[in-house]
Amino acid sequence: MSKNFELLQRVAKDDFFKISSGPSTLPQKSLFAVPRAAEPPNAEIEKLVQRLFSPNREVAGPKAVSFSGLARDDRSSWICARAGETLAKQADKSVCLVEANLWSPQLHLHLGAGNVHGLAEALTSNEPIRNFAAPLREPNFWLIPSGRANPRVCASQERYRERFAELREAFDYILVSAPALSREADATFTGQLADGVVLVVEANRSRRETVRRAKEQLETAHVRILGAVLDQRTFPIPEKLYRWL
């Protein structure tokens, strides 16, 4: 019995994974993120966006969502980028992507954008947060990349909170590419600033114990788990795993 199958059995019992669809149609991960042209709509990403931000939900959906994986080389930033593009096309409100992973920024590459100045500089500046947002293809779509400052020169948590509060005032939706949960303090703090986390789990690599620890880590930090994406799977998953919260 494979470790991946054991993971799914345990997760099914706990009813943990809530966001996904049938067998994966996401493109397979390449070794390096590269600038790219606009891609055709992806069915799974569209379903993810609808379940997170649908205006038809009985309870108002989140305004700010953090995307975080388990390891540094996962595809959480890719999924965040695609979700942002989809939301910007579907919504008539402003959407801002934020690269909060200052240690391994990839978001700007997935969007074919520059990274001259961004969040790192915003944390040490008094300029309006909009000054660090670069417009993307859609008129309501923006990106705040990581910037070039040394991530080891960290701003205070209070400064992060101030800037994030300003983001909420400046944009209708905020999607954050967060550090991997292997960087526990950074990932959980980013999740606390948002309304919750979408956890990206790679089907063929993530062990059950690692996923369980990540879930407990977020819950201990009082971070709401909005759902999880089981990425890179190659076989059908029981429908029970896809029910919305």
C-alpha atoms as a PDB file:
ATOM      1  CA  MET A   1       0.000   0.000   0.000  1.00  0.00           C
ATOM      2  CA  SER A   2       1.549   3.328  -1.038  1.00  0.00           C
ATOM      3  CA  LYS A   3       2.136   6.167   1.428  1.00  0.00           C
ATOM      4  CA  ASN A   4      -0.056   8.374  -0.770  1.00  0.00           C
ATOM      5  CA  PHE A   5      -3.000   5.972  -0.511  1.00  0.00           C
ATOM      6  CA  GLU A   6      -2.540   5.767   3.264  1.00  0.00           C
ATOM      7  CA  LEU A   7      -2.587   9.563   3.392  1.00  0.00           C
ATOM      8  CA  LEU A   8      -5.848   9.721   1.488  1.00  0.00           C
ATOM      9  CA  GLN A   9      -7.469   7.049   3.631  1.00  0.00           C
ATOM     10  CA  ARG A  10      -6.633   8.937   6.819  1.00  0.00           C
ATOM     11  CA  VAL A  11      -7.609  12.280   5.355  1.00  0.00           C
ATOM     12  CA  ALA A  12     -10.941  10.887   4.135  1.00  0.00           C
ATOM     13  CA  LYS A  13     -11.724   9.727   7.659  1.00  0.00           C
ATOM     14  CA  ASP A  14     -10.987  13.194   9.049  1.00  0.00           C
ATOM     15  CA  ASP A  15     -12.827  14.922   6.177  1.00  0.00           C
ATOM     16  CA  PHE A  16      -9.905  17.364   5.851  1.00  0.00           C
ATOM     17  CA  PHE A  17      -9.551  18.067   2.134  1.00  0.00           C
ATOM     18  CA  LYS A  18     -12.428  20.229   1.033  1.00  0.00           C
ATOM     19  CA  ILE A  19     -11.438  21.960  -2.212  1.00  0.00           C
ATOM     20  CA  SER A  20     -10.706  20.141  -5.457  1.00  0.00           C
ATOM     21  CA  SER A  21     -12.458  18.193  -8.173  1.00  0.00           C
ATOM     22  CA  GLY A  22     -11.920  15.000 -10.180  1.00  0.00           C
ATOM     23  CA  PRO A  23      -8.608  13.653 -11.507  1.00  0.00           C
ATOM     24  CA  SER A  24      -6.086  16.445 -11.841  1.00  0.00           C
ATOM     25  CA  THR A  25      -5.900  18.484 -15.029  1.00  0.00           C
ATOM     26  CA  LEU A  26      -3.263  20.865 -13.693  1.00  0.00           C
ATOM     27  CA  PRO A  27      -0.081  21.012 -15.793  1.00  0.00           C
ATOM     28  CA  GLN A  28       2.766  18.988 -14.341  1.00  0.00           C
ATOM     29  CA  LYS A  29       5.357  20.894 -12.343  1.00  0.00           C
ATOM     30  CA  SER A  30       8.519  21.970 -14.119  1.00  0.00           C
ATOM     31  CA  LEU A  31      11.822  22.369 -12.353  1.00  0.00           C
ATOM     32  CA  PHE A  32      11.865  26.131 -12.783  1.00  0.00           C
ATOM     33  CA  ALA A  33       9.218  28.808 -12.900  1.00  0.00           C
ATOM     34  CA  VAL A  34       9.378  30.708 -16.199  1.00  0.00           C
ATOM     35  CA  PRO A  35       7.654  33.842 -17.505  1.00  0.00           C
ATOM     36  CA  ARG A  36       4.635  32.786 -19.497  1.00  0.00           C
ATOM     37  CA  ALA A  37       1.876  34.018 -21.744  1.00  0.00           C
ATOM     38  CA  ALA A  38      -1.760  33.962 -20.694  1.00  0.00           C
ATOM     39  CA  GLU A  39      -2.989  30.393 -20.257  1.00  0.00           C
ATOM     40  CA  PRO A  40      -6.408  28.956 -21.114  1.00  0.00           C
ATOM     41  CA  PRO A  41      -8.870  28.561 -18.220  1.00  0.00           C
ATOM     42  CA  ASN A  42      -8.244  25.607 -15.943  1.00  0.00           C
ATOM     43  CA  ALA A  43     -11.325  23.762 -14.688  1.00  0.00           C
ATOM     44  CA  GLU A  44      -9.938  22.950 -11.240  1.00  0.00           C
ATOM     45  CA  ILE A  45      -8.708  26.479 -10.618  1.00  0.00           C
ATOM     46  CA  GLU A  46     -12.109  27.849 -11.644  1.00  0.00           C
ATOM     47  CA  LYS A  47     -13.850  25.536  -9.167  1.00  0.00           C
ATOM     48  CA  LEU A  48     -11.430  26.569  -6.437  1.00  0.00           C
ATOM     49  CA  VAL A  49     -12.166  30.250  -7.033  1.00  0.00           C
ATOM     50  CA  GLN A  50     -15.933  29.671  -7.158  1.00  0.00           C
ATOM     51  CA  ARG A  51     -15.922  27.776  -3.879  1.00  0.00           C
ATOM     52  CA  LEU A  52     -13.817  30.389  -2.131  1.00  0.00           C
ATOM     53  CA  PHE A  53     -15.308  33.609  -3.472  1.00  0.00           C
ATOM     54  CA  SER A  54     -18.741  32.754  -4.900  1.00  0.00           C
ATOM     55  CA  PRO A  55     -21.197  35.613  -4.253  1.00  0.00           C
ATOM     56  CA  ASN A  56     -24.003  33.035  -3.998  1.00  0.00           C
ATOM     57  CA  ARG A  57     -22.752  31.578  -0.721  1.00  0.00           C
ATOM     58  CA  GLU A  58     -25.013  32.025   2.292  1.00  0.00           C
ATOM     59  CA  VAL A  59     -22.103  33.345   4.338  1.00  0.00           C
ATOM     60  CA  ALA A  60     -19.781  36.010   2.961  1.00  0.00           C
ATOM     61  CA  GLY A  61     -16.576  34.493   1.625  1.00  0.00           C
ATOM     62  CA  PRO A  62     -13.055  35.534   2.565  1.00  0.00           C
ATOM     63  CA  LYS A  63     -11.529  38.790   1.369  1.00  0.00           C
ATOM     64  CA  ALA A  64      -7.905  37.779   1.916  1.00  0.00           C
ATOM     65  CA  VAL A  65      -6.623  34.240   1.322  1.00  0.00           C
ATOM     66  CA  SER A  66      -3.152  32.849   1.904  1.00  0.00           C
ATOM     67  CA  PHE A  67      -1.825  29.970  -0.226  1.00  0.00           C
ATOM     68  CA  SER A  68       0.810  27.819   1.428  1.00  0.00           C
ATOM     69  CA  GLY A  69       2.408  24.457   0.704  1.00  0.00           C
ATOM     70  CA  LEU A  70       4.423  22.053   2.773  1.00  0.00           C
ATOM     71  CA  ALA A  71       7.820  22.444   1.131  1.00  0.00           C
ATOM     72  CA  ARG A  72       9.822  25.125  -0.614  1.00  0.00           C
ATOM     73  CA  ASP A  73       9.547  23.697  -4.136  1.00  0.00           C
ATOM     74  CA  ASP A  74       5.788  23.099  -4.191  1.00  0.00           C
ATOM     75  CA  ARG A  75       3.378  24.807  -6.566  1.00  0.00           C
ATOM     76  CA  SER A  76       1.430  26.954  -4.123  1.00  0.00           C
ATOM     77  CA  SER A  77       2.634  30.147  -5.832  1.00  0.00           C
ATOM     78  CA  TRP A  78       1.578  28.776  -9.239  1.00  0.00           C
ATOM     79  CA  ILE A  79      -1.891  27.957  -7.910  1.00  0.00           C
ATOM     80  CA  CYS A  80      -2.118  31.371  -6.238  1.00  0.00           C
ATOM     81  CA  ALA A  81      -1.228  33.072  -9.540  1.00  0.00           C
ATOM     82  CA  ARG A  82      -3.775  31.107 -11.542  1.00  0.00           C
ATOM     83  CA  ALA A  83      -6.489  31.654  -8.918  1.00  0.00           C
ATOM     84  CA  GLY A  84      -5.806  35.391  -8.986  1.00  0.00           C
ATOM     85  CA  GLU A  85      -6.076  35.526 -12.769  1.00  0.00           C
ATOM     86  CA  THR A  86      -9.351  33.599 -12.713  1.00  0.00           C
ATOM     87  CA  LEU A  87     -10.870  35.746  -9.966  1.00  0.00           C
ATOM     88  CA  ALA A  88      -9.876  38.964 -11.743  1.00  0.00           C
ATOM     89  CA  LYS A  89     -11.650  37.771 -14.908  1.00  0.00           C
ATOM     90  CA  GLN A  90     -14.791  36.698 -13.058  1.00  0.00           C
ATOM     91  CA  ALA A  91     -15.144  39.539 -10.577  1.00  0.00           C
ATOM     92  CA  ASP A  92     -15.841  43.211 -11.219  1.00  0.00           C
ATOM     93  CA  LYS A  93     -13.771  44.127  -8.163  1.00  0.00           C
ATOM     94  CA  SER A  94     -10.063  44.741  -7.663  1.00  0.00           C
ATOM     95  CA  VAL A  95      -7.788  41.747  -7.075  1.00  0.00           C
ATOM     96  CA  CYS A  96      -4.249  42.033  -5.728  1.00  0.00           C
ATOM     97  CA  LEU A  97      -1.705  39.218  -5.548  1.00  0.00           C
ATOM     98  CA  VAL A  98       0.956  39.615  -2.865  1.00  0.00           C
ATOM     99  CA  GLU A  99       4.279  37.781  -2.737  1.00  0.00           C
ATOM    100  CA  ALA A 100       4.884  37.221   0.969  1.00  0.00           C
ATOM    101  CA  ASN A 101       7.467  34.495   0.433  1.00  0.00           C
ATOM    102  CA  LEU A 102      10.536  36.720   0.581  1.00  0.00           C
ATOM    103  CA  TRP A 103      12.782  33.670   0.909  1.00  0.00           C
ATOM    104  CA  SER A 104      11.858  32.014  -2.377  1.00  0.00           C
ATOM    105  CA  PRO A 105       9.725  34.381  -4.494  1.00  0.00           C
ATOM    106  CA  GLN A 106       8.138  32.840  -7.592  1.00  0.00           C
ATOM    107  CA  LEU A 107       4.875  34.699  -8.087  1.00  0.00           C
ATOM    108  CA  HIS A 108       6.248  37.353 -10.440  1.00  0.00           C
ATOM    109  CA  LEU A 109       7.765  34.657 -12.671  1.00  0.00           C
ATOM    110  CA  HIS A 110       4.463  32.809 -12.976  1.00  0.00           C
ATOM    111  CA  LEU A 111       2.879  36.081 -14.108  1.00  0.00           C
ATOM    112  CA  GLY A 112       5.684  37.249 -16.395  1.00  0.00           C
ATOM    113  CA  ALA A 113       6.120  40.392 -14.279  1.00  0.00           C
ATOM    114  CA  GLY A 114       9.103  42.292 -12.927  1.00  0.00           C
ATOM    115  CA  ASN A 115      10.365  42.372  -9.367  1.00  0.00           C
ATOM    116  CA  VAL A 116      12.137  45.698  -8.922  1.00  0.00           C
ATOM    117  CA  HIS A 117      10.375  46.798  -5.761  1.00  0.00           C
ATOM    118  CA  GLY A 118       7.582  45.262  -3.739  1.00  0.00           C
ATOM    119  CA  LEU A 119       6.560  44.067  -0.296  1.00  0.00           C
ATOM    120  CA  ALA A 120      10.047  44.143   1.198  1.00  0.00           C
ATOM    121  CA  GLU A 121      10.424  47.821   0.322  1.00  0.00           C
ATOM    122  CA  ALA A 122       6.849  48.611   1.344  1.00  0.00           C
ATOM    123  CA  LEU A 123       7.578  47.357   4.841  1.00  0.00           C
ATOM    124  CA  THR A 124      10.303  49.969   5.261  1.00  0.00           C
ATOM    125  CA  SER A 125       8.529  52.821   3.476  1.00  0.00           C
ATOM    126  CA  ASN A 126       5.750  55.234   4.337  1.00  0.00           C
ATOM    127  CA  GLU A 127       4.480  55.472   0.757  1.00  0.00           C
ATOM    128  CA  PRO A 128       0.906  54.266   0.102  1.00  0.00           C
ATOM    129  CA  ILE A 129       0.772  50.512  -0.429  1.00  0.00           C
ATOM    130  CA  ARG A 130      -0.726  51.036  -3.905  1.00  0.00           C
ATOM    131  CA  ASN A 131       2.575  52.555  -5.011  1.00  0.00           C
ATOM    132  CA  PHE A 132       4.116  49.095  -4.796  1.00  0.00           C
ATOM    133  CA  ALA A 133       1.375  47.373  -6.820  1.00  0.00           C
ATOM    134  CA  ALA A 134       2.065  46.759 -10.511  1.00  0.00           C
ATOM    135  CA  PRO A 135      -0.904  46.477 -12.918  1.00  0.00           C
ATOM    136  CA  LEU A 136      -1.294  43.160 -14.745  1.00  0.00           C
ATOM    137  CA  ARG A 137      -3.304  42.117 -17.815  1.00  0.00           C
ATOM    138  CA  GLU A 138      -6.806  42.667 -16.463  1.00  0.00           C
ATOM    139  CA  PRO A 139      -7.676  46.281 -15.544  1.00  0.00           C
ATOM    140  CA  ASN A 140      -8.651  45.187 -12.023  1.00  0.00           C
ATOM    141  CA  PHE A 141      -5.639  42.899 -11.463  1.00  0.00           C
ATOM    142  CA  TRP A 142      -2.514  43.904  -9.513  1.00  0.00           C
ATOM    143  CA  LEU A 143       0.680  42.357  -8.183  1.00  0.00           C
ATOM    144  CA  ILE A 144       2.883  43.322  -5.264  1.00  0.00           C
ATOM    145  CA  PRO A 145       6.033  41.218  -5.794  1.00  0.00           C
ATOM    146  CA  SER A 146       8.557  40.403  -3.112  1.00  0.00           C
ATOM    147  CA  GLY A 147      10.968  43.215  -3.898  1.00  0.00           C
ATOM    148  CA  ARG A 148      14.714  42.962  -3.565  1.00  0.00           C
ATOM    149  CA  ALA A 149      15.383  43.686   0.097  1.00  0.00           C
ATOM    150  CA  ASN A 150      17.204  41.079   2.171  1.00  0.00           C
ATOM    151  CA  PRO A 151      14.517  38.878   3.800  1.00  0.00           C
ATOM    152  CA  ARG A 152      16.733  38.456   6.853  1.00  0.00           C
ATOM    153  CA  VAL A 153      16.249  42.145   7.580  1.00  0.00           C
ATOM    154  CA  CYS A 154      12.707  41.675   8.802  1.00  0.00           C
ATOM    155  CA  ALA A 155      10.163  44.318   9.672  1.00  0.00           C
ATOM    156  CA  SER A 156       8.253  43.983  12.910  1.00  0.00           C
ATOM    157  CA  GLN A 157       5.033  41.996  13.000  1.00  0.00           C
ATOM    158  CA  GLU A 158       3.208  45.193  13.858  1.00  0.00           C
ATOM    159  CA  ARG A 159       4.476  46.775  10.627  1.00  0.00           C
ATOM    160  CA  TYR A 160       3.263  43.743   8.675  1.00  0.00           C
ATOM    161  CA  ARG A 161      -0.169  44.137  10.275  1.00  0.00           C
ATOM    162  CA  GLU A 162      -0.303  47.839   9.416  1.00  0.00           C
ATOM    163  CA  ARG A 163       0.558  47.225   5.776  1.00  0.00           C
ATOM    164  CA  PHE A 164      -1.871  44.320   5.481  1.00  0.00           C
ATOM    165  CA  ALA A 165      -4.668  46.432   6.946  1.00  0.00           C
ATOM    166  CA  GLU A 166      -3.846  49.031   4.301  1.00  0.00           C
ATOM    167  CA  LEU A 167      -4.058  46.341   1.617  1.00  0.00           C
ATOM    168  CA  ARG A 168      -7.567  45.448   2.772  1.00  0.00           C
ATOM    169  CA  GLU A 169      -8.604  49.073   2.335  1.00  0.00           C
ATOM    170  CA  ALA A 170      -6.961  49.422  -1.076  1.00  0.00           C
ATOM    171  CA  PHE A 171      -8.196  46.212  -2.761  1.00  0.00           C
ATOM    172  CA  ASP A 172     -11.377  44.140  -2.717  1.00  0.00           C
ATOM    173  CA  TYR A 173      -9.616  40.746  -2.832  1.00  0.00           C
ATOM    174  CA  ILE A 174      -6.113  39.814  -1.708  1.00  0.00           C
ATOM    175  CA  LEU A 175      -4.441  36.515  -2.586  1.00  0.00           C
ATOM    176  CA  VAL A 176      -1.152  35.905  -0.819  1.00  0.00           C
ATOM    177  CA  SER A 177       1.615  33.543  -1.871  1.00  0.00           C
ATOM    178  CA  ALA A 178       2.931  32.587   1.560  1.00  0.00           C
ATOM    179  CA  PRO A 179       6.111  30.815   2.675  1.00  0.00           C
ATOM    180  CA  ALA A 180       5.986  27.044   2.907  1.00  0.00           C
ATOM    181  CA  LEU A 181       4.868  25.610   6.232  1.00  0.00           C
ATOM    182  CA  SER A 182       8.388  24.282   6.687  1.00  0.00           C
ATOM    183  CA  ARG A 183       9.092  27.905   7.677  1.00  0.00           C
ATOM    184  CA  GLU A 184       6.588  27.617  10.496  1.00  0.00           C
ATOM    185  CA  ALA A 185       6.647  31.102  12.012  1.00  0.00           C
ATOM    186  CA  ASP A 186       6.484  32.933   8.661  1.00  0.00           C
ATOM    187  CA  ALA A 187       3.722  30.754   7.208  1.00  0.00           C
ATOM    188  CA  THR A 188       1.445  30.811  10.246  1.00  0.00           C
ATOM    189  CA  PHE A 189       1.850  34.563  10.743  1.00  0.00           C
ATOM    190  CA  THR A 190       0.875  35.198   7.122  1.00  0.00           C
ATOM    191  CA  GLY A 191      -2.159  32.962   7.616  1.00  0.00           C
ATOM    192  CA  GLN A 192      -3.150  34.968  10.687  1.00  0.00           C
ATOM    193  CA  LEU A 193      -3.085  38.190   8.662  1.00  0.00           C
ATOM    194  CA  ALA A 194      -5.403  36.683   6.049  1.00  0.00           C
ATOM    195  CA  ASP A 195      -8.898  35.288   6.556  1.00  0.00           C
ATOM    196  CA  GLY A 196      -7.545  31.786   6.205  1.00  0.00           C
ATOM    197  CA  VAL A 197      -5.246  29.426   4.337  1.00  0.00           C
ATOM    198  CA  VAL A 198      -5.602  27.176   1.320  1.00  0.00           C
ATOM    199  CA  LEU A 199      -3.131  24.351   1.908  1.00  0.00           C
ATOM    200  CA  VAL A 200      -1.434  22.883  -1.180  1.00  0.00           C
ATOM    201  CA  VAL A 201      -0.504  19.217  -0.767  1.00  0.00           C
ATOM    202  CA  GLU A 202       1.418  17.346  -3.436  1.00  0.00           C
ATOM    203  CA  ALA A 203      -0.114  13.917  -3.935  1.00  0.00           C
ATOM    204  CA  ASN A 204       3.006  11.977  -4.845  1.00  0.00           C
ATOM    205  CA  ARG A 205       5.347  13.543  -2.295  1.00  0.00           C
ATOM    206  CA  SER A 206       3.487  14.635   0.845  1.00  0.00           C
ATOM    207  CA  ARG A 207       3.451  12.104   3.676  1.00  0.00           C
ATOM    208  CA  ARG A 208       0.401  11.675   5.888  1.00  0.00           C
ATOM    209  CA  GLU A 209       2.344  12.639   9.022  1.00  0.00           C
ATOM    210  CA  THR A 210       3.611  15.839   7.393  1.00  0.00           C
ATOM    211  CA  VAL A 211       0.097  16.879   6.402  1.00  0.00           C
ATOM    212  CA  ARG A 212      -1.222  16.112   9.871  1.00  0.00           C
ATOM    213  CA  ARG A 213       1.498  18.211  11.506  1.00  0.00           C
ATOM    214  CA  ALA A 214       0.783  21.086   9.131  1.00  0.00           C
ATOM    215  CA  LYS A 215      -2.926  20.969   9.972  1.00  0.00           C
ATOM    216  CA  GLU A 216      -2.191  20.928  13.705  1.00  0.00           C
ATOM    217  CA  GLN A 217       0.350  23.729  13.308  1.00  0.00           C
ATOM    218  CA  LEU A 218      -2.227  25.987  11.662  1.00  0.00           C
ATOM    219  CA  GLU A 219      -4.952  25.129  14.158  1.00  0.00           C
ATOM    220  CA  THR A 220      -2.636  25.803  17.103  1.00  0.00           C
ATOM    221  CA  ALA A 221      -1.892  29.244  15.634  1.00  0.00           C
ATOM    222  CA  HIS A 222      -5.671  29.834  15.253  1.00  0.00           C
ATOM    223  CA  VAL A 223      -5.374  29.987  11.465  1.00  0.00           C
ATOM    224  CA  ARG A 224      -8.536  28.967   9.647  1.00  0.00           C
ATOM    225  CA  ILE A 225      -8.031  26.267   7.005  1.00  0.00           C
ATOM    226  CA  LEU A 226     -10.303  27.277   4.150  1.00  0.00           C
ATOM    227  CA  GLY A 227      -9.548  24.090   2.261  1.00  0.00           C
ATOM    228  CA  ALA A 228      -6.812  22.137   0.570  1.00  0.00           C
ATOM    229  CA  VAL A 229      -5.727  21.404  -2.976  1.00  0.00           C
ATOM    230  CA  LEU A 230      -4.415  17.900  -3.600  1.00  0.00           C
ATOM    231  CA  ASP A 231      -2.010  18.674  -6.422  1.00  0.00           C
ATOM    232  CA  GLN A 232      -0.281  16.360  -8.934  1.00  0.00           C
ATOM    233  CA  ARG A 233      -2.572  13.396  -8.374  1.00  0.00           C
ATOM    234  CA  THR A 234      -3.014  10.889 -11.204  1.00  0.00           C
ATOM    235  CA  PHE A 235      -5.974   8.770 -10.018  1.00  0.00           C
ATOM    236  CA  PRO A 236      -9.595   9.381  -8.973  1.00  0.00           C
ATOM    237  CA  ILE A 237     -10.350  10.442  -5.410  1.00  0.00           C
ATOM    238  CA  PRO A 238     -13.634   9.666  -3.566  1.00  0.00           C
ATOM    239  CA  GLU A 239     -16.215  12.410  -3.941  1.00  0.00           C
ATOM    240  CA  LYS A 240     -16.347  12.791  -0.142  1.00  0.00           C
ATOM    241  CA  LEU A 241     -13.029  14.614  -0.246  1.00  0.00           C
ATOM    242  CA  TYR A 242     -14.418  17.432  -2.370  1.00  0.00           C
ATOM    243  CA  ARG A 243     -17.336  18.633  -0.271  1.00  0.00           C
ATOM    244  CA  TRP A 244     -17.222  22.271   0.638  1.00  0.00           C
ATOM    245  CA  LEU A 245     -16.971  23.376   4.285  1.00  0.00           C
END
